[in-house]
C-alpha atoms as a PDB file:
ATOM      1  CA  MET A   1      27.679   5.263   7.037  1.00  0.00           C
ATOM      2  CA  ILE A   2      28.846   6.870  10.252  1.00  0.00           C
ATOM      3  CA  PHE A   3      25.983   5.649  12.444  1.00  0.00           C
ATOM      4  CA  GLN A   4      26.414   2.488  14.514  1.00  0.00           C
ATOM      5  CA  LEU A   5      24.172  -0.460  13.733  1.00  0.00           C
ATOM      6  CA  GLY A   6      23.013  -2.228  16.892  1.00  0.00           C
ATOM      7  CA  SER A   7      22.258  -5.923  17.067  1.00  0.00           C
ATOM      8  CA  ALA A   8      18.454  -5.504  16.948  1.00  0.00           C
ATOM      9  CA  LEU A   9      18.670  -3.334  13.842  1.00  0.00           C
ATOM     10  CA  LEU A  10      21.100  -5.766  12.233  1.00  0.00           C
ATOM     11  CA  ASP A  11      18.695  -8.623  13.007  1.00  0.00           C
ATOM     12  CA  ALA A  12      15.879  -6.588  11.448  1.00  0.00           C
ATOM     13  CA  CYS A  13      17.947  -5.968   8.294  1.00  0.00           C
ATOM     14  CA  VAL A  14      18.767  -9.679   7.935  1.00  0.00           C
ATOM     15  CA  LEU A  15      15.166 -10.762   8.533  1.00  0.00           C
ATOM     16  CA  ALA A  16      13.885  -8.121   6.093  1.00  0.00           C
ATOM     17  CA  GLN A  17      16.263  -9.388   3.401  1.00  0.00           C
ATOM     18  CA  LEU A  18      15.179 -12.983   4.006  1.00  0.00           C
ATOM     19  CA  SER A  19      11.503 -12.010   3.956  1.00  0.00           C
ATOM     20  CA  ARG A  20      12.048 -11.231   0.251  1.00  0.00           C
ATOM     21  CA  GLY A  21      13.294 -14.744  -0.451  1.00  0.00           C
ATOM     22  CA  ASP A  22      15.729 -17.438   0.598  1.00  0.00           C
ATOM     23  CA  THR A  23      19.370 -16.758  -0.083  1.00  0.00           C
ATOM     24  CA  TYR A  24      22.841 -17.926   0.847  1.00  0.00           C
ATOM     25  CA  GLY A  25      25.356 -16.202   3.091  1.00  0.00           C
ATOM     26  CA  TYR A  26      27.461 -14.408   0.498  1.00  0.00           C
ATOM     27  CA  VAL A  27      24.487 -12.774  -1.244  1.00  0.00           C
ATOM     28  CA  LEU A  28      22.931 -11.897   2.099  1.00  0.00           C
ATOM     29  CA  THR A  29      26.185 -10.263   3.195  1.00  0.00           C
ATOM     30  CA  GLN A  30      26.392  -8.252  -0.031  1.00  0.00           C
ATOM     31  CA  ASN A  31      22.789  -7.055   0.358  1.00  0.00           C
ATOM     32  CA  VAL A  32      23.303  -5.987   3.964  1.00  0.00           C
ATOM     33  CA  LYS A  33      26.624  -4.348   3.006  1.00  0.00           C
ATOM     34  CA  GLU A  34      24.637  -1.934   0.833  1.00  0.00           C
ATOM     35  CA  ILE A  35      23.220  -0.551   4.083  1.00  0.00           C
ATOM     36  CA  VAL A  36      26.131  -0.880   6.485  1.00  0.00           C
ATOM     37  CA  ASN A  37      29.745  -1.968   6.375  1.00  0.00           C
ATOM     38  CA  ILE A  38      29.611  -5.556   7.599  1.00  0.00           C
ATOM     39  CA  SER A  39      31.847  -8.552   7.030  1.00  0.00           C
ATOM     40  CA  GLU A  40      30.848 -12.165   6.624  1.00  0.00           C
ATOM     41  CA  SER A  41      32.596 -12.907   9.923  1.00  0.00           C
ATOM     42  CA  THR A  42      30.189 -10.463  11.607  1.00  0.00           C
ATOM     43  CA  LEU A  43      27.106 -11.718   9.807  1.00  0.00           C
ATOM     44  CA  TYR A  44      27.448 -15.452  10.418  1.00  0.00           C
ATOM     45  CA  PRO A  45      27.139 -15.214  14.225  1.00  0.00           C
ATOM     46  CA  VAL A  46      23.975 -13.156  13.654  1.00  0.00           C
ATOM     47  CA  LEU A  47      22.625 -15.892  11.388  1.00  0.00           C
ATOM     48  CA  ARG A  48      23.471 -18.588  13.969  1.00  0.00           C
ATOM     49  CA  ARG A  49      21.747 -16.603  16.729  1.00  0.00           C
ATOM     50  CA  LEU A  50      18.629 -16.040  14.602  1.00  0.00           C
ATOM     51  CA  GLN A  51      18.595 -19.735  13.763  1.00  0.00           C
ATOM     52  CA  LYS A  52      18.937 -20.654  17.448  1.00  0.00           C
ATOM     53  CA  ASP A  53      15.989 -18.323  18.188  1.00  0.00           C
ATOM     54  CA  ASN A  54      13.930 -20.149  15.514  1.00  0.00           C
ATOM     55  CA  CYS A  55      13.734 -17.003  13.377  1.00  0.00           C
ATOM     56  CA  LEU A  56      15.327 -18.696  10.397  1.00  0.00           C
ATOM     57  CA  ARG A  57      16.132 -22.143   9.108  1.00  0.00           C
ATOM     58  CA  THR A  58      18.828 -23.441   6.829  1.00  0.00           C
ATOM     59  CA  TYR A  59      18.981 -25.973   4.046  1.00  0.00           C
ATOM     60  CA  ASP A  60      21.692 -27.026   1.634  1.00  0.00           C
ATOM     61  CA  GLN A  61      21.421 -27.107  -2.137  1.00  0.00           C
ATOM     62  CA  PRO A  62      24.024 -28.328  -4.604  1.00  0.00           C
ATOM     63  CA  PHE A  63      25.683 -25.697  -6.767  1.00  0.00           C
ATOM     64  CA  GLN A  64      28.507 -26.486  -9.198  1.00  0.00           C
ATOM     65  CA  GLY A  65      29.516 -29.639  -7.345  1.00  0.00           C
ATOM     66  CA  ARG A  66      29.350 -28.080  -3.875  1.00  0.00           C
ATOM     67  CA  ASN A  67      26.623 -27.519  -1.346  1.00  0.00           C
ATOM     68  CA  ARG A  68      25.439 -24.014  -0.666  1.00  0.00           C
ATOM     69  CA  ARG A  69      23.793 -23.224   2.657  1.00  0.00           C
ATOM     70  CA  TYR A  70      20.592 -21.248   2.186  1.00  0.00           C
ATOM     71  CA  TYR A  71      18.768 -19.261   4.839  1.00  0.00           C
ATOM     72  CA  ALA A  72      14.992 -18.912   5.023  1.00  0.00           C
ATOM     73  CA  ILE A  73      12.823 -16.892   7.389  1.00  0.00           C
ATOM     74  CA  THR A  74      10.425 -18.843   9.621  1.00  0.00           C
ATOM     75  CA  GLU A  75       7.011 -17.851  10.980  1.00  0.00           C
ATOM     76  CA  GLU A  76       8.743 -16.842  14.219  1.00  0.00           C
ATOM     77  CA  GLY A  77      11.155 -14.762  12.158  1.00  0.00           C
ATOM     78  CA  LYS A  78       8.253 -13.045  10.406  1.00  0.00           C
ATOM     79  CA  ARG A  79       6.689 -12.207  13.775  1.00  0.00           C
ATOM     80  CA  LYS A  80      10.031 -10.866  15.008  1.00  0.00           C
ATOM     81  CA  LEU A  81      10.407  -8.783  11.826  1.00  0.00           C
ATOM     82  CA  ASP A  82       6.912  -7.325  12.301  1.00  0.00           C
ATOM     83  CA  PHE A  83       7.874  -6.416  15.876  1.00  0.00           C
ATOM     84  CA  TYR A  84      11.103  -4.763  14.662  1.00  0.00           C
ATOM     85  CA  LEU A  85       9.257  -2.844  11.931  1.00  0.00           C
ATOM     86  CA  ASN A  86       6.740  -1.486  14.441  1.00  0.00           C
ATOM     87  CA  GLU A  87       9.511  -0.537  16.863  1.00  0.00           C
ATOM     88  CA  TRP A  88      11.498   1.080  14.030  1.00  0.00           C
ATOM     89  CA  SER A  89       8.491   3.169  13.003  1.00  0.00           C
ATOM     90  CA  VAL A  90       8.094   4.560  16.524  1.00  0.00           C
ATOM     91  CA  TYR A  91      11.863   5.078  16.937  1.00  0.00           C
ATOM     92  CA  LYS A  92      12.197   6.788  13.543  1.00  0.00           C
ATOM     93  CA  SER A  93       9.275   9.086  14.285  1.00  0.00           C
ATOM     94  CA  LYS A  94      10.783  10.142  17.610  1.00  0.00           C
ATOM     95  CA  LEU A  95      14.209  10.607  16.052  1.00  0.00           C
ATOM     96  CA  ASP A  96      12.746  12.680  13.213  1.00  0.00           C
ATOM     97  CA  ASN A  97      11.036  14.882  15.807  1.00  0.00           C
ATOM     98  CA  ILE A  98      14.366  15.462  17.542  1.00  0.00           C
ATOM     99  CA  LEU A  99      16.333  16.055  14.357  1.00  0.00           C
ATOM    100  CA  TYR A 100      13.772  18.083  12.439  1.00  0.00           C
ATOM    101  CA  GLY A 101      11.451  19.390  15.144  1.00  0.00           C
ATOM    102  CA  ASN A 102       7.734  18.837  15.564  1.00  0.00           C
ATOM    103  CA  ASP A 103       6.739  21.591  13.140  1.00  0.00           C
ATOM    104  CA  ASP A 104       6.330  20.187   9.623  1.00  0.00           C
ATOM    105  CA  ASN A 105       7.407  23.594   8.291  1.00  0.00           C
ATOM    106  CA  ASN A 106      10.897  22.954   9.692  1.00  0.00           C
ATOM    107  CA  ILE A 107      11.339  19.854   7.584  1.00  0.00           C
ATOM    108  CA  LEU A 108      12.946  20.506   4.211  1.00  0.00           C
ATOM    109  CA  LYS A 109      11.118  19.043   1.272  1.00  0.00           C
ATOM    110  CA  GLU A 110      13.167  17.038  -1.232  1.00  0.00           C
ATOM    111  CA  ASP A 111      13.382  19.915  -3.722  1.00  0.00           C
ATOM    112  CA  GLU A 112      14.203  22.641  -1.163  1.00  0.00           C
ATOM    113  CA  THR A 113      17.664  23.784  -0.146  1.00  0.00           C
ATOM    114  CA  ILE A 114      18.970  25.766   2.766  1.00  0.00           C
ATOM    115  CA  GLU A 115      19.776  29.343   1.859  1.00  0.00           C
ATOM    116  CA  GLU A 116      22.528  31.057   3.783  1.00  0.00           C
END
């Protein structure tokens, strides 16, 4: 994807993934990578910051003789995600108006193509 992903949107993506269930860092990275090119070295500082802000908590669970660190969203994290989702809705609406115009007739439907 050619568009930059800012820290707030990255936080929202991480919190949204964790709102679907607890997971560990590698799986979380792979899920977020489906949206944007991100490395584990980029994601872990985000996770530490969200943990520091009480938006997520961690716990360890044994897996094949080793401990795996799992991340879980907290109530504060859920509130923050709701805030991000509301902000995203407003932002997306404004961006759609700029990109497509205010007239619904200017917006291509899924099955329409541009004729030259």
